[in-house]
Amino acid sequence: MPKEKKTTSSRLQSYVTEFGTEIFSTDNKILFCKVCNTKVSSEKRFSITQHIAAEKHRKSVKRAEEKKDKSQQLLFQNSSTKSSFKTDLCKAMLSANIPFNKLSNPHFKIFLEKYTSEVIPDQSTLRKSYVDNCYQETIGEIRNKVAEKKIWVSIDETTDAEGRYIASVIIGTLLTDRPGEIFLLNVEQLEKANHSTICTLFEDSLCLLWPGGIHRNDVLLFLSDAAPYMVKAGDTLKVLYTKMVHVTCTAHGLNRVAEYIRIQYPKVDKLVANVKKVFKKAPSRIIKFKTDAPNIALPPEPILTRWGIWISASIYYCENFQIVKNIVESFDEDDALSIRNAQKYFKAPQIKGNLAFIKSNFECLPTAITRLQKQGMALIEAIQIIEDVSAKFNNLKCQTGIKINEKLQTVLTKNKGFQIVCNISKILNGEEENVGCLDIPENLTSSDMGYFKYAPTTSADVERSFSVYKNLLAPNRRSFKFENIKKSLIVQCNTYFAGVEEQ
């Protein structure tokens, strides 16, 4: 009788059983080496034994074993020798971003000793013995709260004050009846920002979350910006996470449209930039402005990295055009080049018309960007915000307006993941019944779709973690080792997110 050929899934499962679940895992389609974080060819058994015999694999196994031994040793030390008061003090100071060197202040130390009746430890004691304990405790809490739940993942990177590439990994739970919880899971320094390093960070972070093996079918959504390397990373990761939808940040997309609008109105841009310079570090001019216009805020100082801020600045000049113009014209043009330029652009014949057009047609943009960044928003509400902006832009009939509308439609069309979640939303709201006629991943079950009801569409939470990071890395704290920055940030940020959710 001929030997029956094994199915792919049974063959992969047999390899996992044979070589150990601590080494390999499978989703019944591919074989994945957990210690090397890589896909392994499984057509022939020889390929697997060859991978195991490779020097890279052996080193990875050794590192994993050493890390496990160290973790067990630390766990034993923590459970047997750590003071609960010192642990709580350490966590409180990390959460409130209070530097440990404040414990060296005699008045602060006496105050704490008086009202706690505890011996206050030296700052080095907390740093060396308790920071890691608080970090491990926070990671443990995240694991417990995420257990058996579907999740979304968001990654972004920035460059810090020391010139390092810093990437943050935010995760959140997806629930069917209410918004889920949000956590800062990981922060890492990257050698460079490309799709390869992002994929590695993604895998390493989920290994941290699920040390017993990544639950690939529980990852339903990936959020990032629309940078080409992020899009490529998303496409690569979808091979391993077959249920995952990659959505590029909708707020970031609207900001790209706002940037395109700025380019269409160079004279307005020059006006905004030069008036900003007129009042920058100029106390006498600021006093003059406050004297002549006491009920009006100073001219805005837009920072282009802040989403939609230029549109808001243009609206300010539209609403206060004559008052600001009169004050700027009262200054001597020979005092500064910015004054001369500002006066010139105030007199440009088309400037008032451009400002009026921007306010009339694009005031909705910064409002939409702000609304999209709200935590806990239902998916249908986020989609409606985008559709309202799109409907308003469709009414633009002038040449510039048509170009701007085309830019918006291009941004939305390129965001294929957003189109998919729009289709899922139609199913959840009863607008569509036939799933087969919609662009939805085949592996997403009817049950999975229900978890998208409160799915986010922006990566704003990563940006919030960068703001906390910036405050943590103050100019007088630049000698902070990155490993300590990471642990401090994760404790502090998760306290912050928990506070936001409770409000």
Protein backbone atom coordinates (compact mmCIF):
# COMPACT_ATOMS: atom_id res chain seq x y z
CA MET A 1 0.00 0.00 0.00
CA PRO A 2 1.56 3.40 -0.99
CA LYS A 3 2.67 5.67 1.82
CA GLU A 4 0.24 8.56 2.38
CA LYS A 5 1.85 11.98 1.84
CA LYS A 6 1.72 14.33 4.83
CA THR A 7 -0.04 17.68 4.51
CA THR A 8 2.06 20.83 4.89
CA SER A 9 0.53 21.64 8.28
CA SER A 10 1.09 18.15 9.71
CA ARG A 11 4.68 18.12 8.41
CA LEU A 12 5.40 21.48 10.02
CA GLN A 13 3.80 20.43 13.30
CA SER A 14 5.91 17.27 13.35
CA TYR A 15 9.08 19.35 12.92
CA VAL A 16 8.04 21.61 15.82
CA THR A 17 7.41 18.53 17.99
CA GLU A 18 10.66 16.90 16.96
CA PHE A 19 13.01 19.85 17.41
CA GLY A 20 11.20 21.55 20.30
CA THR A 21 8.59 24.29 20.76
CA GLU A 22 11.24 26.48 22.39
CA ILE A 23 13.13 26.52 19.06
CA PHE A 24 10.46 26.45 16.34
CA SER A 25 6.88 27.59 15.88
CA THR A 26 4.47 27.36 12.96
CA ASP A 27 1.22 28.86 11.73
CA ASN A 28 0.68 25.74 9.58
CA LYS A 29 2.10 27.58 6.56
CA ILE A 30 5.71 28.36 7.43
CA LEU A 31 8.31 27.16 9.93
CA PHE A 32 9.71 29.96 12.10
CA CYS A 33 12.90 29.81 14.20
CA LYS A 34 12.11 31.68 17.42
CA VAL A 35 15.72 32.12 18.56
CA CYS A 36 16.92 33.49 15.18
CA ASN A 37 13.68 35.38 14.38
CA THR A 38 13.67 34.05 10.83
CA LYS A 39 11.69 31.82 8.48
CA VAL A 40 13.28 28.41 7.83
CA SER A 41 12.92 26.35 4.66
CA SER A 42 10.87 23.26 5.51
CA GLU A 43 10.57 21.42 2.22
CA LYS A 44 13.21 18.92 3.33
CA ARG A 45 14.29 17.85 6.80
CA PHE A 46 17.90 18.39 5.80
CA SER A 47 17.28 22.16 5.48
CA ILE A 48 16.16 22.27 9.11
CA THR A 49 19.07 20.28 10.48
CA GLN A 50 21.40 22.45 8.40
CA HIS A 51 19.88 25.60 9.96
CA ILE A 52 20.27 24.14 13.48
CA ALA A 53 23.91 23.28 12.80
CA ALA A 54 24.72 26.79 11.53
CA GLU A 55 27.00 28.98 13.66
CA LYS A 56 24.46 31.81 13.75
CA HIS A 57 21.76 29.53 15.19
CA ARG A 58 24.08 28.05 17.82
CA LYS A 59 25.09 31.53 18.99
CA SER A 60 21.43 32.60 19.13
CA VAL A 61 20.56 29.56 21.25
CA LYS A 62 23.45 30.31 23.60
CA ARG A 63 22.35 33.96 23.97
CA ALA A 64 18.77 32.88 24.68
CA GLU A 65 19.92 30.43 27.36
CA GLU A 66 22.15 33.05 29.01
CA LYS A 67 19.30 35.57 28.95
CA LYS A 68 16.93 33.01 30.51
CA ASP A 69 19.42 32.16 33.28
CA LYS A 70 19.96 35.85 34.00
CA SER A 71 16.21 36.52 34.14
CA GLN A 72 15.67 33.63 36.54
CA GLN A 73 18.52 34.87 38.73
CA LEU A 74 17.11 38.40 38.79
CA LEU A 75 13.64 37.08 39.55
CA PHE A 76 15.01 35.16 42.54
CA GLN A 77 16.91 38.21 43.78
CA ASN A 78 13.87 40.46 43.32
CA SER A 79 11.54 38.15 45.17
CA SER A 80 13.93 37.59 48.08
CA THR A 81 15.79 40.82 48.70
CA LYS A 82 13.84 43.81 47.30
CA SER A 83 12.18 46.26 49.68
CA SER A 84 8.57 47.02 48.74
CA PHE A 85 8.97 50.63 49.90
CA LYS A 86 12.04 51.19 47.74
CA THR A 87 10.30 49.53 44.80
CA ASP A 88 7.25 51.78 45.21
CA LEU A 89 9.45 54.87 45.66
CA CYS A 90 11.42 54.00 42.51
CA LYS A 91 8.25 53.45 40.48
CA ALA A 92 6.68 56.68 41.75
CA MET A 93 9.76 58.73 40.82
CA LEU A 94 10.03 57.09 37.39
CA SER A 95 6.32 57.62 36.72
CA ALA A 96 6.51 61.30 37.70
CA ASN A 97 9.81 61.84 35.82
CA ILE A 98 11.58 62.91 39.03
CA PRO A 99 15.37 62.44 38.71
CA PHE A 100 16.86 60.15 41.35
CA ASN A 101 19.45 62.79 42.26
CA LYS A 102 16.61 64.69 44.00
CA LEU A 103 17.03 62.16 46.82
CA SER A 104 20.39 63.81 47.53
CA ASN A 105 18.60 67.02 48.44
CA PRO A 106 18.71 67.06 52.28
CA HIS A 107 15.37 68.88 52.69
CA PHE A 108 13.55 66.47 50.37
CA LYS A 109 15.19 63.49 52.06
CA ILE A 110 14.27 64.71 55.57
CA PHE A 111 10.70 65.34 54.42
CA LEU A 112 10.34 61.80 53.08
CA GLU A 113 11.90 60.23 56.19
CA LYS A 114 9.64 62.29 58.48
CA TYR A 115 6.36 61.34 56.81
CA THR A 116 7.15 57.78 55.71
CA SER A 117 9.22 56.64 58.71
CA GLU A 118 11.41 54.81 56.19
CA VAL A 119 15.14 54.97 55.51
CA ILE A 120 15.47 56.77 52.18
CA PRO A 121 17.92 54.94 49.89
CA ASP A 122 20.76 56.51 47.98
CA GLN A 123 19.99 57.34 44.35
CA SER A 124 22.53 54.74 43.16
CA THR A 125 20.67 52.03 45.09
CA LEU A 126 17.44 52.72 43.21
CA ARG A 127 19.22 53.01 39.86
CA LYS A 128 21.22 49.79 40.21
CA SER A 129 18.78 47.57 42.10
CA TYR A 130 15.22 48.77 41.54
CA VAL A 131 14.81 50.30 38.06
CA ASP A 132 15.00 46.91 36.37
CA ASN A 133 12.56 45.51 38.91
CA CYS A 134 10.01 48.24 38.08
CA TYR A 135 10.56 47.67 34.36
CA GLN A 136 10.05 43.90 34.66
CA GLU A 137 6.94 44.48 36.75
CA THR A 138 5.52 46.82 34.08
CA ILE A 139 6.22 44.31 31.30
CA GLY A 140 4.57 41.61 33.41
CA GLU A 141 1.46 43.78 33.84
CA ILE A 142 1.30 44.35 30.07
CA ARG A 143 1.55 40.61 29.41
CA ASN A 144 -1.27 39.90 31.86
CA LYS A 145 -3.57 42.55 30.38
CA VAL A 146 -2.90 41.46 26.78
CA ALA A 147 -3.24 37.72 27.49
CA GLU A 148 -5.66 35.97 25.11
CA LYS A 149 -6.61 39.26 23.43
CA LYS A 150 -6.34 40.51 19.84
CA ILE A 151 -3.95 43.43 19.46
CA TRP A 152 -2.81 46.25 17.20
CA VAL A 153 0.82 47.37 16.88
CA SER A 154 2.17 50.81 16.00
CA ILE A 155 5.82 51.66 15.27
CA ASP A 156 7.53 54.94 14.45
CA GLU A 157 11.05 56.28 14.72
CA THR A 158 12.59 59.64 15.51
CA THR A 159 16.05 61.16 15.97
CA ASP A 160 16.81 62.30 19.53
CA ALA A 161 18.97 65.17 20.76
CA GLU A 162 22.04 62.90 20.68
CA GLY A 163 21.48 62.01 17.02
CA ARG A 164 20.34 58.43 17.74
CA TYR A 165 17.61 56.68 15.76
CA ILE A 166 14.99 55.83 18.38
CA ALA A 167 12.00 53.61 17.60
CA SER A 168 8.97 53.10 19.84
CA VAL A 169 6.55 50.18 19.74
CA ILE A 170 3.04 50.84 21.01
CA ILE A 171 0.49 48.06 21.31
CA GLY A 172 -3.20 48.11 22.17
CA THR A 173 -5.89 45.55 22.81
CA LEU A 174 -8.79 45.22 20.37
CA LEU A 175 -12.18 44.61 21.99
CA THR A 176 -15.60 44.21 20.42
CA ASP A 177 -17.61 46.27 22.91
CA ARG A 178 -15.32 49.13 23.98
CA PRO A 179 -11.93 50.73 23.31
CA GLY A 180 -8.98 48.64 24.51
CA GLU A 181 -5.97 49.56 26.63
CA ILE A 182 -2.78 51.08 25.20
CA PHE A 183 0.80 50.26 26.23
CA LEU A 184 4.34 51.28 25.36
CA LEU A 185 5.90 47.84 24.91
CA ASN A 186 9.40 48.56 23.65
CA VAL A 187 11.90 51.30 22.81
CA GLU A 188 15.06 50.53 20.91
CA GLN A 189 18.00 52.36 19.35
CA LEU A 190 18.33 51.48 15.65
CA GLU A 191 21.58 51.51 13.71
CA LYS A 192 19.59 52.85 10.76
CA ALA A 193 15.95 53.21 9.83
CA ASN A 194 14.95 50.79 7.07
CA HIS A 195 12.39 48.04 6.51
CA SER A 196 14.78 45.36 7.81
CA THR A 197 15.39 47.01 11.20
CA ILE A 198 11.66 47.74 11.59
CA CYS A 199 10.76 44.09 10.88
CA THR A 200 13.36 42.91 13.41
CA LEU A 201 12.05 45.37 16.00
CA PHE A 202 8.47 44.19 15.34
CA GLU A 203 9.42 40.54 15.88
CA ASP A 204 11.65 41.22 18.92
CA SER A 205 8.90 43.28 20.56
CA LEU A 206 6.29 40.57 20.15
CA CYS A 207 8.79 38.00 21.47
CA LEU A 208 9.06 40.25 24.54
CA LEU A 209 5.26 40.28 24.82
CA TRP A 210 4.84 36.54 24.24
CA PRO A 211 8.09 34.87 25.40
CA GLY A 212 6.49 31.44 24.99
CA GLY A 213 5.89 32.03 21.27
CA ILE A 214 4.35 34.81 19.20
CA HIS A 215 0.55 34.60 18.76
CA ARG A 216 0.63 35.61 15.11
CA ASN A 217 -3.11 35.17 14.59
CA ASP A 218 -3.81 37.66 17.40
CA VAL A 219 -2.07 40.55 15.59
CA LEU A 220 -4.79 42.14 13.45
CA LEU A 221 -3.57 45.69 12.78
CA PHE A 222 -0.27 47.46 12.14
CA LEU A 223 -0.10 51.28 12.20
CA SER A 224 2.79 53.38 10.92
CA ASP A 225 3.50 56.48 8.89
CA ALA A 226 3.59 56.30 5.09
CA ALA A 227 7.40 56.32 4.71
CA PRO A 228 8.42 53.89 1.90
CA TYR A 229 10.48 51.72 4.26
CA MET A 230 7.50 51.42 6.64
CA VAL A 231 5.23 50.37 3.75
CA LYS A 232 7.83 47.78 2.70
CA ALA A 233 8.13 46.54 6.29
CA GLY A 234 4.35 46.13 6.43
CA ASP A 235 4.32 44.11 3.21
CA THR A 236 7.12 41.88 4.56
CA LEU A 237 5.46 41.30 7.92
CA LYS A 238 2.13 40.36 6.34
CA VAL A 239 3.80 37.16 5.08
CA LEU A 240 4.16 36.04 8.72
CA TYR A 241 1.05 37.78 10.09
CA THR A 242 -1.54 36.73 7.53
CA LYS A 243 -4.49 38.33 9.33
CA MET A 244 -2.77 41.68 9.81
CA VAL A 245 -3.95 44.84 8.03
CA HIS A 246 -1.35 47.60 7.59
CA VAL A 247 -2.88 51.09 7.85
CA THR A 248 -0.73 54.19 7.37
CA CYS A 249 -1.62 57.01 9.78
CA THR A 250 -4.64 58.98 8.55
CA ALA A 251 -3.71 62.11 10.55
CA HIS A 252 -0.24 62.01 9.00
CA GLY A 253 -1.89 61.67 5.57
CA LEU A 254 -4.04 64.76 6.13
CA ASN A 255 -0.95 66.65 7.26
CA ARG A 256 0.74 65.78 3.95
CA VAL A 257 -2.25 67.40 2.23
CA ALA A 258 -1.84 70.45 4.50
CA GLU A 259 1.82 70.63 3.49
CA TYR A 260 0.78 70.50 -0.16
CA ILE A 261 -1.61 73.41 0.46
CA ARG A 262 1.27 75.41 1.98
CA ILE A 263 3.32 74.88 -1.17
CA GLN A 264 0.44 76.20 -3.33
CA TYR A 265 0.46 79.54 -1.49
CA PRO A 266 4.11 80.69 -1.30
CA LYS A 267 3.28 84.33 -0.50
CA VAL A 268 1.12 83.32 2.47
CA ASP A 269 3.93 81.01 3.58
CA LYS A 270 6.44 83.88 3.38
CA LEU A 271 4.09 86.14 5.34
CA VAL A 272 3.66 83.57 8.14
CA ALA A 273 7.41 82.89 8.31
CA ASN A 274 8.50 86.54 8.34
CA VAL A 275 5.96 87.78 10.90
CA LYS A 276 7.09 84.90 13.12
CA LYS A 277 10.67 86.25 12.86
CA VAL A 278 9.52 89.82 13.58
CA PHE A 279 8.37 88.89 17.09
CA LYS A 280 10.92 86.16 17.77
CA LYS A 281 13.09 87.21 20.75
CA ALA A 282 11.93 90.82 20.35
CA PRO A 283 10.49 91.96 23.74
CA SER A 284 9.92 95.58 22.67
CA ARG A 285 7.86 94.51 19.62
CA ILE A 286 5.89 92.04 21.74
CA ILE A 287 5.07 94.84 24.22
CA LYS A 288 3.97 97.05 21.31
CA PHE A 289 1.71 94.26 20.01
CA LYS A 290 0.14 93.62 23.43
CA THR A 291 -0.42 97.34 23.92
CA ASP A 292 -2.08 97.88 20.53
CA ALA A 293 -3.99 94.57 20.45
CA PRO A 294 -4.55 93.45 24.06
CA ASN A 295 -7.36 91.02 23.19
CA ILE A 296 -5.51 89.18 20.43
CA ALA A 297 -2.95 86.41 20.86
CA LEU A 298 0.55 86.99 19.53
CA PRO A 299 1.12 85.81 15.93
CA PRO A 300 1.59 82.02 15.93
CA GLU A 301 5.01 80.44 15.54
CA PRO A 302 4.15 77.36 13.46
CA ILE A 303 6.50 74.38 13.67
CA LEU A 304 6.15 72.38 10.47
CA THR A 305 6.58 69.05 12.28
CA ARG A 306 3.30 69.71 14.12
CA TRP A 307 0.40 68.43 12.08
CA GLY A 308 -1.86 71.05 10.47
CA ILE A 309 -0.32 73.97 12.35
CA TRP A 310 0.38 76.05 9.20
CA ILE A 311 -3.30 76.05 8.23
CA SER A 312 -4.20 77.29 11.72
CA ALA A 313 -1.61 80.07 11.42
CA SER A 314 -3.08 81.16 8.05
CA ILE A 315 -6.56 81.30 9.60
CA TYR A 316 -5.17 83.52 12.38
CA TYR A 317 -3.90 86.03 9.78
CA CYS A 318 -7.21 85.92 7.92
CA GLU A 319 -9.14 86.76 11.10
CA ASN A 320 -6.71 89.44 12.35
CA PHE A 321 -5.27 90.70 9.07
CA GLN A 322 -5.69 94.46 9.42
CA ILE A 323 -4.69 94.68 13.10
CA VAL A 324 -1.48 92.66 12.65
CA LYS A 325 -0.70 94.53 9.39
CA ASN A 326 -1.01 97.94 11.10
CA ILE A 327 1.29 96.86 13.97
CA VAL A 328 3.94 95.42 11.62
CA GLU A 329 3.82 98.54 9.42
CA SER A 330 4.45 100.70 12.50
CA PHE A 331 7.92 99.12 12.86
CA ASP A 332 10.94 100.61 11.10
CA GLU A 333 11.73 98.44 8.06
CA ASP A 334 15.45 99.15 8.52
CA ASP A 335 15.47 97.45 11.93
CA ALA A 336 15.31 93.92 10.50
CA LEU A 337 15.02 92.18 7.14
CA SER A 338 12.02 90.21 8.48
CA ILE A 339 10.12 93.48 9.06
CA ARG A 340 10.77 94.66 5.51
CA ASN A 341 9.69 91.29 4.08
CA ALA A 342 6.58 91.07 6.27
CA GLN A 343 5.50 94.56 5.20
CA LYS A 344 6.05 93.58 1.56
CA TYR A 345 3.91 90.45 1.77
CA PHE A 346 1.14 92.25 3.67
CA LYS A 347 0.88 94.56 0.65
CA ALA A 348 0.78 91.72 -1.92
CA PRO A 349 -2.50 92.14 -3.88
CA GLN A 350 -3.54 88.47 -3.68
CA ILE A 351 -2.69 87.88 -0.02
CA LYS A 352 -6.12 88.72 1.45
CA GLY A 353 -7.88 86.60 -1.16
CA ASN A 354 -5.56 83.64 -0.52
CA LEU A 355 -6.12 83.84 3.24
CA ALA A 356 -9.88 84.02 2.78
CA PHE A 357 -9.83 80.98 0.46
CA ILE A 358 -7.70 78.96 2.92
CA LYS A 359 -10.00 79.78 5.85
CA SER A 360 -13.17 79.08 3.87
CA ASN A 361 -12.12 75.73 2.44
CA PHE A 362 -9.36 74.24 4.61
CA GLU A 363 -10.31 75.20 8.16
CA CYS A 364 -11.71 71.68 8.50
CA LEU A 365 -8.24 70.14 8.06
CA PRO A 366 -6.53 70.96 11.41
CA THR A 367 -9.81 70.21 13.19
CA ALA A 368 -9.99 66.78 11.51
CA ILE A 369 -6.34 66.03 12.34
CA THR A 370 -6.93 66.86 16.02
CA ARG A 371 -10.12 64.79 16.19
CA LEU A 372 -8.46 61.76 14.58
CA GLN A 373 -5.82 61.71 17.34
CA LYS A 374 -8.42 61.18 20.07
CA GLN A 375 -7.95 57.89 21.91
CA GLY A 376 -10.78 55.38 22.06
CA MET A 377 -12.57 56.60 18.94
CA ALA A 378 -14.86 54.16 17.13
CA LEU A 379 -13.68 53.20 13.64
CA ILE A 380 -16.89 54.46 12.02
CA GLU A 381 -16.32 57.92 13.57
CA ALA A 382 -12.73 58.13 12.26
CA ILE A 383 -13.87 57.10 8.77
CA GLN A 384 -16.64 59.71 8.86
CA ILE A 385 -14.10 62.46 9.65
CA ILE A 386 -12.08 61.50 6.57
CA GLU A 387 -15.21 61.28 4.40
CA ASP A 388 -16.37 64.75 5.56
CA VAL A 389 -13.01 66.28 4.56
CA SER A 390 -13.12 64.44 1.22
CA ALA A 391 -16.67 65.65 0.52
CA LYS A 392 -15.68 69.27 1.23
CA PHE A 393 -12.64 69.02 -1.03
CA ASN A 394 -14.75 67.52 -3.83
CA ASN A 395 -16.63 70.83 -3.99
CA LEU A 396 -13.46 72.76 -4.90
CA LYS A 397 -13.78 73.92 -8.51
CA CYS A 398 -10.81 76.26 -9.06
CA GLN A 399 -7.57 74.96 -10.55
CA THR A 400 -5.64 75.06 -7.26
CA GLY A 401 -8.55 73.50 -5.39
CA ILE A 402 -8.78 70.64 -7.90
CA LYS A 403 -5.04 69.94 -7.50
CA ILE A 404 -5.40 69.87 -3.72
CA ASN A 405 -8.38 67.51 -3.94
CA GLU A 406 -6.38 65.23 -6.25
CA LYS A 407 -3.59 65.19 -3.66
CA LEU A 408 -6.04 64.11 -0.96
CA GLN A 409 -7.50 61.35 -3.14
CA THR A 410 -3.98 60.11 -3.98
CA VAL A 411 -3.06 59.95 -0.28
CA LEU A 412 -6.23 57.99 0.53
CA THR A 413 -5.87 55.64 -2.45
CA LYS A 414 -2.28 54.75 -1.54
CA ASN A 415 -3.41 53.87 1.97
CA LYS A 416 -4.63 50.40 1.00
CA GLY A 417 -5.00 49.29 4.60
CA PHE A 418 -7.39 52.17 5.28
CA GLN A 419 -9.53 51.04 2.33
CA ILE A 420 -9.65 47.57 3.92
CA VAL A 421 -10.77 48.83 7.35
CA CYS A 422 -13.39 51.00 5.58
CA ASN A 423 -14.72 47.80 4.00
CA ILE A 424 -14.70 46.03 7.37
CA SER A 425 -16.59 48.98 8.86
CA LYS A 426 -19.24 48.63 6.12
CA ILE A 427 -19.72 44.99 7.12
CA LEU A 428 -19.97 45.87 10.83
CA ASN A 429 -22.49 48.65 10.16
CA GLY A 430 -24.64 46.60 7.82
CA GLU A 431 -23.91 48.73 4.73
CA GLU A 432 -22.56 45.64 2.97
CA GLU A 433 -23.39 42.00 3.43
CA ASN A 434 -21.35 40.24 0.74
CA VAL A 435 -17.80 39.96 2.11
CA GLY A 436 -16.62 38.29 -1.08
CA CYS A 437 -17.09 41.45 -3.15
CA LEU A 438 -14.95 43.57 -0.79
CA ASP A 439 -11.16 43.82 -0.48
CA ILE A 440 -10.70 42.06 2.87
CA PRO A 441 -7.89 39.56 3.70
CA GLU A 442 -9.11 36.00 3.21
CA ASN A 443 -7.73 34.85 6.57
CA LEU A 444 -9.80 37.40 8.51
CA THR A 445 -12.77 35.52 9.95
CA SER A 446 -16.16 37.04 10.77
CA SER A 447 -15.13 36.92 14.43
CA ASP A 448 -11.87 38.79 13.68
CA MET A 449 -13.73 41.61 11.93
CA GLY A 450 -15.68 42.37 15.09
CA TYR A 451 -12.45 43.40 16.81
CA PHE A 452 -12.04 46.33 14.39
CA LYS A 453 -15.01 48.23 15.85
CA TYR A 454 -12.69 50.45 17.92
CA ALA A 455 -9.53 50.01 15.84
CA PRO A 456 -7.35 53.16 15.70
CA THR A 457 -6.37 54.74 12.38
CA THR A 458 -3.48 56.95 13.53
CA SER A 459 -0.03 56.46 15.05
CA ALA A 460 -0.54 59.42 17.39
CA ASP A 461 0.20 57.33 20.48
CA VAL A 462 3.77 56.74 19.26
CA GLU A 463 4.15 60.50 18.84
CA ARG A 464 2.97 60.94 22.43
CA SER A 465 5.66 58.53 23.62
CA PHE A 466 8.27 60.63 21.77
CA SER A 467 7.07 63.73 23.65
CA VAL A 468 7.58 61.89 26.95
CA TYR A 469 11.01 60.72 25.73
CA LYS A 470 11.99 64.31 24.89
CA ASN A 471 11.03 65.48 28.38
CA LEU A 472 12.91 62.58 29.93
CA LEU A 473 16.10 63.34 27.99
CA ALA A 474 16.50 66.89 29.32
CA PRO A 475 19.77 68.76 28.60
CA ASN A 476 21.08 67.96 32.11
CA ARG A 477 20.36 64.21 31.70
CA ARG A 478 22.27 63.45 28.49
CA SER A 479 24.66 61.07 30.27
CA PHE A 480 21.73 58.68 30.83
CA LYS A 481 22.59 55.21 29.50
CA PHE A 482 20.09 54.21 26.82
CA GLU A 483 19.13 50.99 28.63
CA ASN A 484 18.10 53.07 31.66
CA ILE A 485 16.28 55.57 29.43
CA LYS A 486 14.33 52.71 27.89
CA LYS A 487 13.27 51.22 31.23
CA SER A 488 12.40 54.61 32.73
CA LEU A 489 10.39 55.60 29.66
CA ILE A 490 8.37 52.36 29.60
CA VAL A 491 7.44 52.72 33.28
CA GLN A 492 6.61 56.43 32.89
CA CYS A 493 4.75 56.14 29.60
CA ASN A 494 2.51 53.28 30.71
CA THR A 495 1.58 55.26 33.81
CA TYR A 496 0.72 58.18 31.48
CA PHE A 497 -1.41 56.04 29.14
CA ALA A 498 -3.25 54.52 32.10
CA GLY A 499 -4.00 58.04 33.38
CA VAL A 500 -5.34 59.18 29.99
CA GLU A 501 -7.65 56.15 29.75
CA GLU A 502 -9.07 56.82 33.24
CA GLN A 503 -9.98 60.44 32.43
